[in-house]
């Protein structure tokens, strides 16, 4: 218990909240991705509410990445390419195949309406080429991040604050500002090799920790809520190029949430730590329950009620149920020693 109590509860709380946000995002996007199939008129109040639910939940992955940067780029942690390959990358590759192949196989069987042994190699190929279930995109990004982390750490361990701040500005501008300018027609032919959220947010995570970037919790809450309000307004007004602009807004939104939870000073309990350890498994498995309900059983919040407000409330209930099923399944999987040791 002492070892658990010594861990920072804020990081665990943020990881759990981020996992829940991703589940809610996919609860909404599972319907908005196929509006015709589920009878959702594009532009209707119902469609707009689901889009809002999807978009205001997009801070989960940035927060995951900030946590990764905070933990793995710490000066006290030793990272080598051998460690990254044999521990971190291996874990993600195993997760991709253990979950990606069955998910891809389910899609193939669903498309062909029959079962054949020959579908297995196709499922493997789909997984290798990134054509399994969409949420696994995060794992492919993690592989790339883990491969470059030793290089990033070698720099962040010795650089000064102003240098890290400048690197953040360059990567942030290249990853978020330039794409938005290109989207609105102001093409800027500048390329930065590190231009990715998988570089920016881990760097932001270690920057906020190392240089004690802190603001009052009330201010962090205001920043987060304000960003959410802006996203809602953009969606309601159907602003052009909103998707590219939202990526910029997710920066202060994610940082605000990170700072809000990071400042929490509560006793780390065994229950909190247990839930924290189930997050990765819950992330991997949760789309299974969404697909079973939406595609296999054809039961969605929209099928239960056509009223926009009622459907929004039912969507929240669905998300809670999906989260409960995902964390319960993750717990069951954690009871399998090889799975817990090498994947979860």
C-alpha atoms as a PDB file:
ATOM      1  CA  UNK A   1       0.000   0.000   0.000  1.00  0.00           C
ATOM      2  CA  UNK A   2       2.874   2.376   0.759  1.00  0.00           C
ATOM      3  CA  UNK A   3       4.194   2.027  -2.781  1.00  0.00           C
ATOM      4  CA  UNK A   4       0.740   2.757  -4.189  1.00  0.00           C
ATOM      5  CA  UNK A   5       0.218   5.699  -1.868  1.00  0.00           C
ATOM      6  CA  UNK A   6       3.497   7.219  -3.041  1.00  0.00           C
ATOM      7  CA  UNK A   7       2.291   7.453  -6.645  1.00  0.00           C
ATOM      8  CA  UNK A   8       0.740  10.638  -7.966  1.00  0.00           C
ATOM      9  CA  UNK A   9      -3.007  10.319  -7.900  1.00  0.00           C
ATOM     10  CA  UNK A  10      -3.509  13.164 -10.367  1.00  0.00           C
ATOM     11  CA  UNK A  11      -1.916  11.176 -13.189  1.00  0.00           C
ATOM     12  CA  UNK A  12      -4.131   8.174 -12.484  1.00  0.00           C
ATOM     13  CA  UNK A  13      -7.250  10.334 -12.338  1.00  0.00           C
ATOM     14  CA  UNK A  14      -6.365  11.976 -15.647  1.00  0.00           C
ATOM     15  CA  UNK A  15      -5.662   8.628 -17.320  1.00  0.00           C
ATOM     16  CA  UNK A  16      -9.028   7.260 -16.158  1.00  0.00           C
ATOM     17  CA  UNK A  17     -10.875  10.388 -17.288  1.00  0.00           C
ATOM     18  CA  UNK A  18      -9.101  10.322 -20.643  1.00  0.00           C
ATOM     19  CA  UNK A  19     -10.110   6.683 -21.143  1.00  0.00           C
ATOM     20  CA  UNK A  20     -13.723   7.547 -20.357  1.00  0.00           C
ATOM     21  CA  UNK A  21     -13.577  10.473 -22.790  1.00  0.00           C
ATOM     22  CA  UNK A  22     -12.390   8.185 -25.581  1.00  0.00           C
ATOM     23  CA  UNK A  23     -15.203   5.728 -24.881  1.00  0.00           C
ATOM     24  CA  UNK A  24     -17.755   8.552 -24.968  1.00  0.00           C
ATOM     25  CA  UNK A  25     -16.205   9.877 -28.190  1.00  0.00           C
ATOM     26  CA  UNK A  26     -16.606   6.489 -29.879  1.00  0.00           C
ATOM     27  CA  UNK A  27     -20.119   6.103 -28.499  1.00  0.00           C
ATOM     28  CA  UNK A  28     -21.000   9.254 -30.444  1.00  0.00           C
ATOM     29  CA  UNK A  29     -18.790   8.745 -33.507  1.00  0.00           C
ATOM     30  CA  UNK A  30     -20.100   5.206 -33.936  1.00  0.00           C
ATOM     31  CA  UNK A  31     -23.352   6.870 -34.998  1.00  0.00           C
ATOM     32  CA  UNK A  32     -22.103  10.043 -36.708  1.00  0.00           C
ATOM     33  CA  UNK A  33     -19.800   8.006 -38.963  1.00  0.00           C
ATOM     34  CA  UNK A  34     -22.880   6.313 -40.488  1.00  0.00           C
ATOM     35  CA  UNK A  35     -25.730   8.848 -40.253  1.00  0.00           C
ATOM     36  CA  UNK A  36     -27.713   7.303 -43.126  1.00  0.00           C
ATOM     37  CA  UNK A  37     -27.500   3.820 -41.654  1.00  0.00           C
ATOM     38  CA  UNK A  38     -28.869   4.965 -38.305  1.00  0.00           C
ATOM     39  CA  UNK A  39     -31.404   7.438 -39.674  1.00  0.00           C
ATOM     40  CA  UNK A  40     -29.701  10.626 -38.482  1.00  0.00           C
ATOM     41  CA  UNK A  41     -30.350  13.551 -40.857  1.00  0.00           C
ATOM     42  CA  UNK A  42     -27.098  15.460 -41.355  1.00  0.00           C
ATOM     43  CA  UNK A  43     -27.528  18.990 -40.041  1.00  0.00           C
ATOM     44  CA  UNK A  44     -30.387  18.046 -37.719  1.00  0.00           C
ATOM     45  CA  UNK A  45     -30.360  18.949 -34.017  1.00  0.00           C
ATOM     46  CA  UNK A  46     -29.728  15.294 -33.175  1.00  0.00           C
ATOM     47  CA  UNK A  47     -26.742  15.067 -35.517  1.00  0.00           C
ATOM     48  CA  UNK A  48     -25.327  18.333 -34.166  1.00  0.00           C
ATOM     49  CA  UNK A  49     -25.579  17.129 -30.561  1.00  0.00           C
ATOM     50  CA  UNK A  50     -23.757  13.898 -31.412  1.00  0.00           C
ATOM     51  CA  UNK A  51     -21.047  15.821 -33.250  1.00  0.00           C
ATOM     52  CA  UNK A  52     -20.639  18.076 -30.207  1.00  0.00           C
ATOM     53  CA  UNK A  53     -20.312  15.025 -27.965  1.00  0.00           C
ATOM     54  CA  UNK A  54     -17.697  13.595 -30.286  1.00  0.00           C
ATOM     55  CA  UNK A  55     -15.665  16.782 -30.640  1.00  0.00           C
ATOM     56  CA  UNK A  56     -15.564  17.887 -27.004  1.00  0.00           C
ATOM     57  CA  UNK A  57     -14.206  14.449 -26.073  1.00  0.00           C
ATOM     58  CA  UNK A  58     -11.146  14.635 -28.296  1.00  0.00           C
ATOM     59  CA  UNK A  59      -8.798  15.643 -25.487  1.00  0.00           C
ATOM     60  CA  UNK A  60      -8.270  12.054 -24.342  1.00  0.00           C
ATOM     61  CA  UNK A  61      -5.368  11.097 -26.601  1.00  0.00           C
ATOM     62  CA  UNK A  62      -3.471  14.400 -26.064  1.00  0.00           C
ATOM     63  CA  UNK A  63      -3.690  13.804 -22.319  1.00  0.00           C
ATOM     64  CA  UNK A  64      -2.491  10.210 -22.741  1.00  0.00           C
ATOM     65  CA  UNK A  65       0.507  11.563 -24.632  1.00  0.00           C
ATOM     66  CA  UNK A  66       1.228  14.247 -22.046  1.00  0.00           C
ATOM     67  CA  UNK A  67       1.257  11.567 -19.356  1.00  0.00           C
ATOM     68  CA  UNK A  68       3.654   9.495 -21.473  1.00  0.00           C
ATOM     69  CA  UNK A  69       6.003  12.454 -21.834  1.00  0.00           C
ATOM     70  CA  UNK A  70       5.771  13.274 -18.145  1.00  0.00           C
ATOM     71  CA  UNK A  71       6.731   9.725 -17.155  1.00  0.00           C
ATOM     72  CA  UNK A  72       9.162   8.544 -19.833  1.00  0.00           C
ATOM     73  CA  UNK A  73      11.042  11.801 -20.431  1.00  0.00           C
ATOM     74  CA  UNK A  74      11.797  12.222 -16.742  1.00  0.00           C
ATOM     75  CA  UNK A  75      15.525  12.793 -16.177  1.00  0.00           C
ATOM     76  CA  UNK A  76      15.640  10.051 -13.559  1.00  0.00           C
ATOM     77  CA  UNK A  77      14.390   7.428 -15.999  1.00  0.00           C
ATOM     78  CA  UNK A  78      16.873   5.650 -18.228  1.00  0.00           C
ATOM     79  CA  UNK A  79      15.735   4.928 -21.757  1.00  0.00           C
ATOM     80  CA  UNK A  80      17.635   3.073 -24.448  1.00  0.00           C
ATOM     81  CA  UNK A  81      16.558   1.925 -27.867  1.00  0.00           C
ATOM     82  CA  UNK A  82      16.922  -1.648 -26.660  1.00  0.00           C
ATOM     83  CA  UNK A  83      14.511  -0.962 -23.778  1.00  0.00           C
ATOM     84  CA  UNK A  84      12.013   0.722 -26.073  1.00  0.00           C
ATOM     85  CA  UNK A  85      12.062  -2.196 -28.514  1.00  0.00           C
ATOM     86  CA  UNK A  86      12.024  -5.077 -26.063  1.00  0.00           C
ATOM     87  CA  UNK A  87       9.582  -3.586 -23.567  1.00  0.00           C
ATOM     88  CA  UNK A  88       7.414  -0.813 -24.947  1.00  0.00           C
ATOM     89  CA  UNK A  89       7.252  -1.477 -28.696  1.00  0.00           C
ATOM     90  CA  UNK A  90       6.880  -5.236 -28.138  1.00  0.00           C
ATOM     91  CA  UNK A  91       3.914  -4.601 -25.858  1.00  0.00           C
ATOM     92  CA  UNK A  92       2.132  -2.472 -28.448  1.00  0.00           C
ATOM     93  CA  UNK A  93       2.849  -4.887 -31.309  1.00  0.00           C
ATOM     94  CA  UNK A  94       1.457  -7.765 -29.250  1.00  0.00           C
ATOM     95  CA  UNK A  95      -1.631  -5.699 -28.433  1.00  0.00           C
ATOM     96  CA  UNK A  96      -2.106  -4.871 -32.117  1.00  0.00           C
ATOM     97  CA  UNK A  97      -2.062  -8.510 -33.163  1.00  0.00           C
ATOM     98  CA  UNK A  98      -3.990  -9.932 -30.208  1.00  0.00           C
ATOM     99  CA  UNK A  99      -6.793  -7.425 -30.667  1.00  0.00           C
ATOM    100  CA  UNK A 100      -6.388  -6.040 -34.183  1.00  0.00           C
ATOM    101  CA  UNK A 101      -6.478  -9.395 -35.975  1.00  0.00           C
ATOM    102  CA  UNK A 102      -9.693 -10.635 -34.289  1.00  0.00           C
ATOM    103  CA  UNK A 103     -11.326  -7.236 -34.849  1.00  0.00           C
ATOM    104  CA  UNK A 104     -10.348  -7.262 -38.515  1.00  0.00           C
ATOM    105  CA  UNK A 105     -11.536 -10.863 -38.822  1.00  0.00           C
ATOM    106  CA  UNK A 106     -14.911  -9.871 -37.386  1.00  0.00           C
ATOM    107  CA  UNK A 107     -15.267  -7.197 -40.065  1.00  0.00           C
ATOM    108  CA  UNK A 108     -14.343  -9.631 -42.847  1.00  0.00           C
ATOM    109  CA  UNK A 109     -16.794 -12.255 -41.590  1.00  0.00           C
ATOM    110  CA  UNK A 110     -19.484  -9.573 -41.297  1.00  0.00           C
ATOM    111  CA  UNK A 111     -18.843  -8.404 -44.869  1.00  0.00           C
ATOM    112  CA  UNK A 112     -18.885 -11.914 -46.398  1.00  0.00           C
ATOM    113  CA  UNK A 113     -21.537 -13.423 -44.103  1.00  0.00           C
ATOM    114  CA  UNK A 114     -19.552 -16.641 -43.738  1.00  0.00           C
ATOM    115  CA  UNK A 115     -16.473 -18.035 -41.971  1.00  0.00           C
ATOM    116  CA  UNK A 116     -13.351 -19.311 -43.730  1.00  0.00           C
ATOM    117  CA  UNK A 117      -9.817 -20.113 -42.620  1.00  0.00           C
ATOM    118  CA  UNK A 118      -8.527 -18.042 -45.551  1.00  0.00           C
ATOM    119  CA  UNK A 119      -9.870 -14.908 -43.888  1.00  0.00           C
ATOM    120  CA  UNK A 120      -7.224 -15.120 -41.160  1.00  0.00           C
ATOM    121  CA  UNK A 121      -4.258 -14.108 -43.374  1.00  0.00           C
ATOM    122  CA  UNK A 122      -6.375 -11.257 -44.736  1.00  0.00           C
ATOM    123  CA  UNK A 123      -7.104 -10.129 -41.176  1.00  0.00           C
ATOM    124  CA  UNK A 124      -3.380 -10.183 -40.415  1.00  0.00           C
ATOM    125  CA  UNK A 125      -2.640  -8.108 -43.505  1.00  0.00           C
ATOM    126  CA  UNK A 126      -5.351  -5.620 -42.560  1.00  0.00           C
ATOM    127  CA  UNK A 127      -3.849  -5.270 -39.103  1.00  0.00           C
ATOM    128  CA  UNK A 128      -0.320  -4.763 -40.421  1.00  0.00           C
ATOM    129  CA  UNK A 129      -1.546  -2.142 -42.896  1.00  0.00           C
ATOM    130  CA  UNK A 130      -3.693  -0.287 -40.380  1.00  0.00           C
ATOM    131  CA  UNK A 131      -7.074  -1.456 -41.691  1.00  0.00           C
ATOM    132  CA  UNK A 132      -8.412  -3.044 -38.532  1.00  0.00           C
ATOM    133  CA  UNK A 133     -10.736  -1.101 -36.212  1.00  0.00           C
ATOM    134  CA  UNK A 134     -10.181   2.634 -36.298  1.00  0.00           C
ATOM    135  CA  UNK A 135      -9.298   3.194 -32.632  1.00  0.00           C
ATOM    136  CA  UNK A 136      -6.067   1.226 -33.083  1.00  0.00           C
ATOM    137  CA  UNK A 137      -4.556   4.205 -34.935  1.00  0.00           C
ATOM    138  CA  UNK A 138      -3.309   5.341 -31.538  1.00  0.00           C
ATOM    139  CA  UNK A 139      -1.206   2.197 -31.155  1.00  0.00           C
ATOM    140  CA  UNK A 140       0.517   2.707 -34.512  1.00  0.00           C
ATOM    141  CA  UNK A 141       1.352   6.245 -33.398  1.00  0.00           C
ATOM    142  CA  UNK A 142       2.694   4.956 -30.087  1.00  0.00           C
ATOM    143  CA  UNK A 143       5.123   2.664 -31.896  1.00  0.00           C
ATOM    144  CA  UNK A 144       6.577   5.630 -33.730  1.00  0.00           C
ATOM    145  CA  UNK A 145       6.695   7.680 -30.524  1.00  0.00           C
ATOM    146  CA  UNK A 146       8.493   4.944 -28.608  1.00  0.00           C
ATOM    147  CA  UNK A 147      11.088   4.612 -31.385  1.00  0.00           C
ATOM    148  CA  UNK A 148      11.911   8.307 -31.240  1.00  0.00           C
ATOM    149  CA  UNK A 149      11.646   8.811 -27.460  1.00  0.00           C
ATOM    150  CA  UNK A 150      15.303   7.984 -26.706  1.00  0.00           C
ATOM    151  CA  UNK A 151      16.345  10.738 -29.119  1.00  0.00           C
ATOM    152  CA  UNK A 152      13.872  13.208 -27.614  1.00  0.00           C
ATOM    153  CA  UNK A 153      15.005  12.308 -24.122  1.00  0.00           C
ATOM    154  CA  UNK A 154      18.665  12.785 -24.984  1.00  0.00           C
ATOM    155  CA  UNK A 155      17.777  16.345 -25.963  1.00  0.00           C
ATOM    156  CA  UNK A 156      15.323  17.213 -23.204  1.00  0.00           C
ATOM    157  CA  UNK A 157      17.717  15.918 -20.539  1.00  0.00           C
ATOM    158  CA  UNK A 158      20.327  18.559 -21.410  1.00  0.00           C
ATOM    159  CA  UNK A 159      18.432  21.433 -23.010  1.00  0.00           C
ATOM    160  CA  UNK A 160      17.523  24.629 -21.200  1.00  0.00           C
ATOM    161  CA  UNK A 161      13.968  25.805 -20.657  1.00  0.00           C
ATOM    162  CA  UNK A 162      14.093  28.347 -23.484  1.00  0.00           C
ATOM    163  CA  UNK A 163      15.271  25.666 -25.913  1.00  0.00           C
ATOM    164  CA  UNK A 164      12.495  23.259 -24.956  1.00  0.00           C
ATOM    165  CA  UNK A 165       9.981  26.080 -25.175  1.00  0.00           C
ATOM    166  CA  UNK A 166      11.239  26.960 -28.658  1.00  0.00           C
ATOM    167  CA  UNK A 167      11.033  23.324 -29.751  1.00  0.00           C
ATOM    168  CA  UNK A 168       7.443  23.193 -28.496  1.00  0.00           C
ATOM    169  CA  UNK A 169       6.597  26.304 -30.471  1.00  0.00           C
ATOM    170  CA  UNK A 170       8.171  24.962 -33.669  1.00  0.00           C
ATOM    171  CA  UNK A 171       6.577  21.503 -33.430  1.00  0.00           C
ATOM    172  CA  UNK A 172       3.228  22.991 -32.366  1.00  0.00           C
ATOM    173  CA  UNK A 173       3.187  25.444 -35.252  1.00  0.00           C
ATOM    174  CA  UNK A 174       4.133  22.750 -37.746  1.00  0.00           C
ATOM    175  CA  UNK A 175       1.693  20.161 -36.374  1.00  0.00           C
ATOM    176  CA  UNK A 176      -1.335  22.389 -35.821  1.00  0.00           C
ATOM    177  CA  UNK A 177      -0.969  25.893 -37.307  1.00  0.00           C
ATOM    178  CA  UNK A 178       0.413  25.044 -40.745  1.00  0.00           C
ATOM    179  CA  UNK A 179      -2.268  22.390 -41.454  1.00  0.00           C
ATOM    180  CA  UNK A 180      -4.941  24.947 -40.578  1.00  0.00           C
ATOM    181  CA  UNK A 181      -3.376  27.550 -42.869  1.00  0.00           C
ATOM    182  CA  UNK A 182      -3.216  24.993 -45.664  1.00  0.00           C
ATOM    183  CA  UNK A 183      -6.845  24.078 -44.989  1.00  0.00           C
ATOM    184  CA  UNK A 184      -8.009  27.671 -45.496  1.00  0.00           C
ATOM    185  CA  UNK A 185      -5.962  28.081 -48.660  1.00  0.00           C
ATOM    186  CA  UNK A 186      -2.829  29.782 -47.306  1.00  0.00           C
ATOM    187  CA  UNK A 187      -0.397  27.096 -48.367  1.00  0.00           C
ATOM    188  CA  UNK A 188       2.933  27.317 -46.552  1.00  0.00           C
ATOM    189  CA  UNK A 189       5.556  24.973 -48.106  1.00  0.00           C
ATOM    190  CA  UNK A 190       7.469  24.387 -44.878  1.00  0.00           C
ATOM    191  CA  UNK A 191       8.050  20.892 -43.558  1.00  0.00           C
ATOM    192  CA  UNK A 192       9.163  19.976 -40.049  1.00  0.00           C
ATOM    193  CA  UNK A 193      10.023  16.260 -39.660  1.00  0.00           C
ATOM    194  CA  UNK A 194       8.841  16.172 -36.038  1.00  0.00           C
ATOM    195  CA  UNK A 195       5.486  17.779 -36.799  1.00  0.00           C
ATOM    196  CA  UNK A 196       3.109  15.457 -34.941  1.00  0.00           C
ATOM    197  CA  UNK A 197       0.931  15.468 -31.870  1.00  0.00           C
ATOM    198  CA  UNK A 198       2.890  12.355 -30.871  1.00  0.00           C
ATOM    199  CA  UNK A 199       5.893  14.626 -30.400  1.00  0.00           C
ATOM    200  CA  UNK A 200       4.236  17.837 -29.256  1.00  0.00           C
ATOM    201  CA  UNK A 201       2.126  16.524 -26.381  1.00  0.00           C
ATOM    202  CA  UNK A 202       4.846  14.353 -24.761  1.00  0.00           C
ATOM    203  CA  UNK A 203       7.150  17.384 -24.873  1.00  0.00           C
ATOM    204  CA  UNK A 204       4.374  19.473 -23.335  1.00  0.00           C
ATOM    205  CA  UNK A 205       3.961  16.868 -20.613  1.00  0.00           C
ATOM    206  CA  UNK A 206       7.605  16.998 -19.530  1.00  0.00           C
ATOM    207  CA  UNK A 207       7.726  20.781 -19.906  1.00  0.00           C
ATOM    208  CA  UNK A 208       4.816  21.347 -17.535  1.00  0.00           C
ATOM    209  CA  UNK A 209       6.437  19.017 -15.007  1.00  0.00           C
ATOM    210  CA  UNK A 210      10.056  20.066 -15.215  1.00  0.00           C
ATOM    211  CA  UNK A 211       9.432  23.787 -15.167  1.00  0.00           C
ATOM    212  CA  UNK A 212       6.519  23.647 -12.742  1.00  0.00           C
ATOM    213  CA  UNK A 213       3.973  25.143 -15.117  1.00  0.00           C
ATOM    214  CA  UNK A 214       1.066  25.606 -12.750  1.00  0.00           C
ATOM    215  CA  UNK A 215      -2.060  27.742 -12.667  1.00  0.00           C
ATOM    216  CA  UNK A 216      -4.841  27.834 -10.061  1.00  0.00           C
ATOM    217  CA  UNK A 217      -7.349  25.004 -10.465  1.00  0.00           C
ATOM    218  CA  UNK A 218     -10.119  27.523 -11.057  1.00  0.00           C
ATOM    219  CA  UNK A 219      -8.163  29.051 -13.934  1.00  0.00           C
ATOM    220  CA  UNK A 220      -7.432  25.604 -15.401  1.00  0.00           C
ATOM    221  CA  UNK A 221     -11.140  24.772 -15.208  1.00  0.00           C
ATOM    222  CA  UNK A 222     -12.059  28.070 -16.899  1.00  0.00           C
ATOM    223  CA  UNK A 223      -9.589  27.412 -19.731  1.00  0.00           C
ATOM    224  CA  UNK A 224     -10.940  23.905 -20.269  1.00  0.00           C
ATOM    225  CA  UNK A 225     -14.607  24.891 -20.157  1.00  0.00           C
ATOM    226  CA  UNK A 226     -13.993  27.899 -22.398  1.00  0.00           C
ATOM    227  CA  UNK A 227     -12.322  25.710 -25.018  1.00  0.00           C
ATOM    228  CA  UNK A 228     -15.258  23.301 -24.855  1.00  0.00           C
ATOM    229  CA  UNK A 229     -17.680  26.214 -25.293  1.00  0.00           C
ATOM    230  CA  UNK A 230     -15.767  27.432 -28.350  1.00  0.00           C
ATOM    231  CA  UNK A 231     -15.897  23.968 -29.908  1.00  0.00           C
ATOM    232  CA  UNK A 232     -19.642  23.777 -29.247  1.00  0.00           C
ATOM    233  CA  UNK A 233     -20.173  27.211 -30.804  1.00  0.00           C
ATOM    234  CA  UNK A 234     -18.141  26.251 -33.867  1.00  0.00           C
ATOM    235  CA  UNK A 235     -20.187  23.077 -34.308  1.00  0.00           C
ATOM    236  CA  UNK A 236     -23.530  24.816 -33.876  1.00  0.00           C
ATOM    237  CA  UNK A 237     -22.575  27.518 -36.367  1.00  0.00           C
ATOM    238  CA  UNK A 238     -21.110  24.893 -38.720  1.00  0.00           C
ATOM    239  CA  UNK A 239     -17.959  26.949 -39.174  1.00  0.00           C
ATOM    240  CA  UNK A 240     -15.798  26.104 -42.199  1.00  0.00           C
ATOM    241  CA  UNK A 241     -12.501  24.311 -41.576  1.00  0.00           C
ATOM    242  CA  UNK A 242     -13.633  23.597 -38.010  1.00  0.00           C
ATOM    243  CA  UNK A 243     -11.795  20.266 -37.773  1.00  0.00           C
ATOM    244  CA  UNK A 244      -8.381  21.834 -38.402  1.00  0.00           C
ATOM    245  CA  UNK A 245      -9.098  24.741 -36.060  1.00  0.00           C
ATOM    246  CA  UNK A 246     -10.298  22.425 -33.306  1.00  0.00           C
ATOM    247  CA  UNK A 247      -6.899  20.747 -33.237  1.00  0.00           C
ATOM    248  CA  UNK A 248      -5.490  24.095 -32.127  1.00  0.00           C
ATOM    249  CA  UNK A 249      -8.157  24.480 -29.471  1.00  0.00           C
ATOM    250  CA  UNK A 250      -7.441  21.025 -28.074  1.00  0.00           C
ATOM    251  CA  UNK A 251      -4.004  22.273 -26.972  1.00  0.00           C
ATOM    252  CA  UNK A 252      -5.184  24.659 -24.218  1.00  0.00           C
ATOM    253  CA  UNK A 253      -8.107  22.342 -23.478  1.00  0.00           C
ATOM    254  CA  UNK A 254      -5.839  19.337 -22.914  1.00  0.00           C
ATOM    255  CA  UNK A 255      -3.223  21.320 -21.016  1.00  0.00           C
ATOM    256  CA  UNK A 256      -5.958  22.822 -18.844  1.00  0.00           C
ATOM    257  CA  UNK A 257      -7.280  19.373 -17.955  1.00  0.00           C
ATOM    258  CA  UNK A 258      -3.771  18.092 -17.345  1.00  0.00           C
ATOM    259  CA  UNK A 259      -2.959  20.957 -14.982  1.00  0.00           C
ATOM    260  CA  UNK A 260      -6.325  20.683 -13.231  1.00  0.00           C
ATOM    261  CA  UNK A 261      -5.854  17.021 -12.365  1.00  0.00           C
ATOM    262  CA  UNK A 262      -2.097  17.156 -11.861  1.00  0.00           C
ATOM    263  CA  UNK A 263      -2.571  19.515  -8.959  1.00  0.00           C
ATOM    264  CA  UNK A 264      -4.885  17.120  -7.152  1.00  0.00           C
ATOM    265  CA  UNK A 265      -3.375  15.964  -3.891  1.00  0.00           C
ATOM    266  CA  UNK A 266      -5.400  13.027  -2.648  1.00  0.00           C
ATOM    267  CA  UNK A 267      -4.336   9.761  -1.099  1.00  0.00           C
ATOM    268  CA  UNK A 268      -3.707   7.156  -3.766  1.00  0.00           C
ATOM    269  CA  UNK A 269      -5.880   4.202  -2.879  1.00  0.00           C
ATOM    270  CA  UNK A 270      -5.546   0.627  -4.067  1.00  0.00           C
ATOM    271  CA  UNK A 271      -8.900   0.916  -5.856  1.00  0.00           C
ATOM    272  CA  UNK A 272      -7.792   4.000  -7.815  1.00  0.00           C
ATOM    273  CA  UNK A 273      -4.527   2.349  -8.812  1.00  0.00           C
ATOM    274  CA  UNK A 274      -6.378  -0.824  -9.858  1.00  0.00           C
ATOM    275  CA  UNK A 275      -8.699   1.152 -12.134  1.00  0.00           C
ATOM    276  CA  UNK A 276      -5.710   3.048 -13.533  1.00  0.00           C
ATOM    277  CA  UNK A 277      -4.065  -0.259 -14.510  1.00  0.00           C
ATOM    278  CA  UNK A 278      -7.209  -1.321 -16.376  1.00  0.00           C
ATOM    279  CA  UNK A 279      -7.287   1.709 -18.678  1.00  0.00           C
ATOM    280  CA  UNK A 280      -5.206   0.266 -21.518  1.00  0.00           C
ATOM    281  CA  UNK A 281      -7.265  -2.893 -21.662  1.00  0.00           C
ATOM    282  CA  UNK A 282     -10.467  -0.860 -21.553  1.00  0.00           C
ATOM    283  CA  UNK A 283      -9.199   1.257 -24.440  1.00  0.00           C
ATOM    284  CA  UNK A 284      -8.421  -1.832 -26.504  1.00  0.00           C
ATOM    285  CA  UNK A 285     -11.694  -3.694 -25.905  1.00  0.00           C
ATOM    286  CA  UNK A 286     -14.392  -1.009 -25.651  1.00  0.00           C
ATOM    287  CA  UNK A 287     -15.232  -0.803 -29.401  1.00  0.00           C
ATOM    288  CA  UNK A 288     -16.256  -4.461 -29.259  1.00  0.00           C
ATOM    289  CA  UNK A 289     -19.293  -3.595 -27.161  1.00  0.00           C
ATOM    290  CA  UNK A 290     -20.135  -0.575 -29.290  1.00  0.00           C
ATOM    291  CA  UNK A 291     -20.044  -2.678 -32.453  1.00  0.00           C
ATOM    292  CA  UNK A 292     -22.106  -5.456 -30.896  1.00  0.00           C
ATOM    293  CA  UNK A 293     -24.839  -3.006 -29.901  1.00  0.00           C
ATOM    294  CA  UNK A 294     -24.771  -0.791 -32.972  1.00  0.00           C
ATOM    295  CA  UNK A 295     -24.010  -3.213 -35.795  1.00  0.00           C
ATOM    296  CA  UNK A 296     -24.879  -6.701 -34.579  1.00  0.00           C
ATOM    297  CA  UNK A 297     -27.979  -5.921 -32.512  1.00  0.00           C
ATOM    298  CA  UNK A 298     -28.878  -2.694 -34.332  1.00  0.00           C
ATOM    299  CA  UNK A 299     -29.578  -0.975 -31.006  1.00  0.00           C
ATOM    300  CA  UNK A 300     -28.491   2.643 -30.736  1.00  0.00           C
ATOM    301  CA  UNK A 301     -29.657   5.668 -28.778  1.00  0.00           C
ATOM    302  CA  UNK A 302     -31.271   6.851 -32.021  1.00  0.00           C
ATOM    303  CA  UNK A 303     -33.238   3.615 -32.400  1.00  0.00           C
ATOM    304  CA  UNK A 304     -34.621   4.063 -28.883  1.00  0.00           C
ATOM    305  CA  UNK A 305     -35.677   7.686 -29.226  1.00  0.00           C
ATOM    306  CA  UNK A 306     -35.767  10.204 -32.049  1.00  0.00           C
ATOM    307  CA  UNK A 307     -35.922  13.211 -29.751  1.00  0.00           C
ATOM    308  CA  UNK A 308     -32.590  15.055 -29.801  1.00  0.00           C
ATOM    309  CA  UNK A 309     -32.412  15.876 -26.083  1.00  0.00           C
ATOM    310  CA  UNK A 310     -33.585  12.419 -25.030  1.00  0.00           C
ATOM    311  CA  UNK A 311     -31.156  10.788 -27.448  1.00  0.00           C
ATOM    312  CA  UNK A 312     -28.284  12.817 -25.958  1.00  0.00           C
ATOM    313  CA  UNK A 313     -29.204  11.584 -22.478  1.00  0.00           C
ATOM    314  CA  UNK A 314     -29.478   7.982 -23.685  1.00  0.00           C
ATOM    315  CA  UNK A 315     -26.090   8.323 -25.396  1.00  0.00           C
ATOM    316  CA  UNK A 316     -24.533   9.181 -22.032  1.00  0.00           C
ATOM    317  CA  UNK A 317     -26.175   6.094 -20.529  1.00  0.00           C
ATOM    318  CA  UNK A 318     -24.830   3.943 -23.374  1.00  0.00           C
ATOM    319  CA  UNK A 319     -21.339   5.362 -22.833  1.00  0.00           C
ATOM    320  CA  UNK A 320     -21.493   4.536 -19.124  1.00  0.00           C
ATOM    321  CA  UNK A 321     -22.558   0.973 -19.933  1.00  0.00           C
ATOM    322  CA  UNK A 322     -19.812   0.600 -22.546  1.00  0.00           C
ATOM    323  CA  UNK A 323     -17.246   1.914 -20.051  1.00  0.00           C
ATOM    324  CA  UNK A 324     -18.429  -0.476 -17.346  1.00  0.00           C
ATOM    325  CA  UNK A 325     -18.250  -3.431 -19.756  1.00  0.00           C
ATOM    326  CA  UNK A 326     -14.806  -2.357 -21.004  1.00  0.00           C
ATOM    327  CA  UNK A 327     -13.268  -1.971 -17.542  1.00  0.00           C
ATOM    328  CA  UNK A 328     -14.879  -5.227 -16.363  1.00  0.00           C
ATOM    329  CA  UNK A 329     -13.465  -7.030 -19.398  1.00  0.00           C
ATOM    330  CA  UNK A 330     -10.074  -5.451 -18.807  1.00  0.00           C
ATOM    331  CA  UNK A 331     -10.163  -6.759 -15.244  1.00  0.00           C
ATOM    332  CA  UNK A 332     -10.978 -10.277 -16.450  1.00  0.00           C
ATOM    333  CA  UNK A 333      -8.153 -10.100 -18.996  1.00  0.00           C
ATOM    334  CA  UNK A 334      -5.761  -8.926 -16.275  1.00  0.00           C
ATOM    335  CA  UNK A 335      -6.370 -12.236 -14.482  1.00  0.00           C
ATOM    336  CA  UNK A 336      -4.593 -14.011 -17.350  1.00  0.00           C
ATOM    337  CA  UNK A 337      -0.895 -13.836 -16.313  1.00  0.00           C
ATOM    338  CA  UNK A 338       0.749 -13.725 -19.788  1.00  0.00           C
ATOM    339  CA  UNK A 339      -1.740 -11.124 -21.005  1.00  0.00           C
ATOM    340  CA  UNK A 340      -1.218  -8.970 -17.918  1.00  0.00           C
ATOM    341  CA  UNK A 341       2.556  -9.269 -18.027  1.00  0.00           C
ATOM    342  CA  UNK A 342       3.201  -8.700 -21.716  1.00  0.00           C
ATOM    343  CA  UNK A 343       0.240  -6.660 -23.016  1.00  0.00           C
ATOM    344  CA  UNK A 344      -1.903  -4.985 -20.376  1.00  0.00           C
END
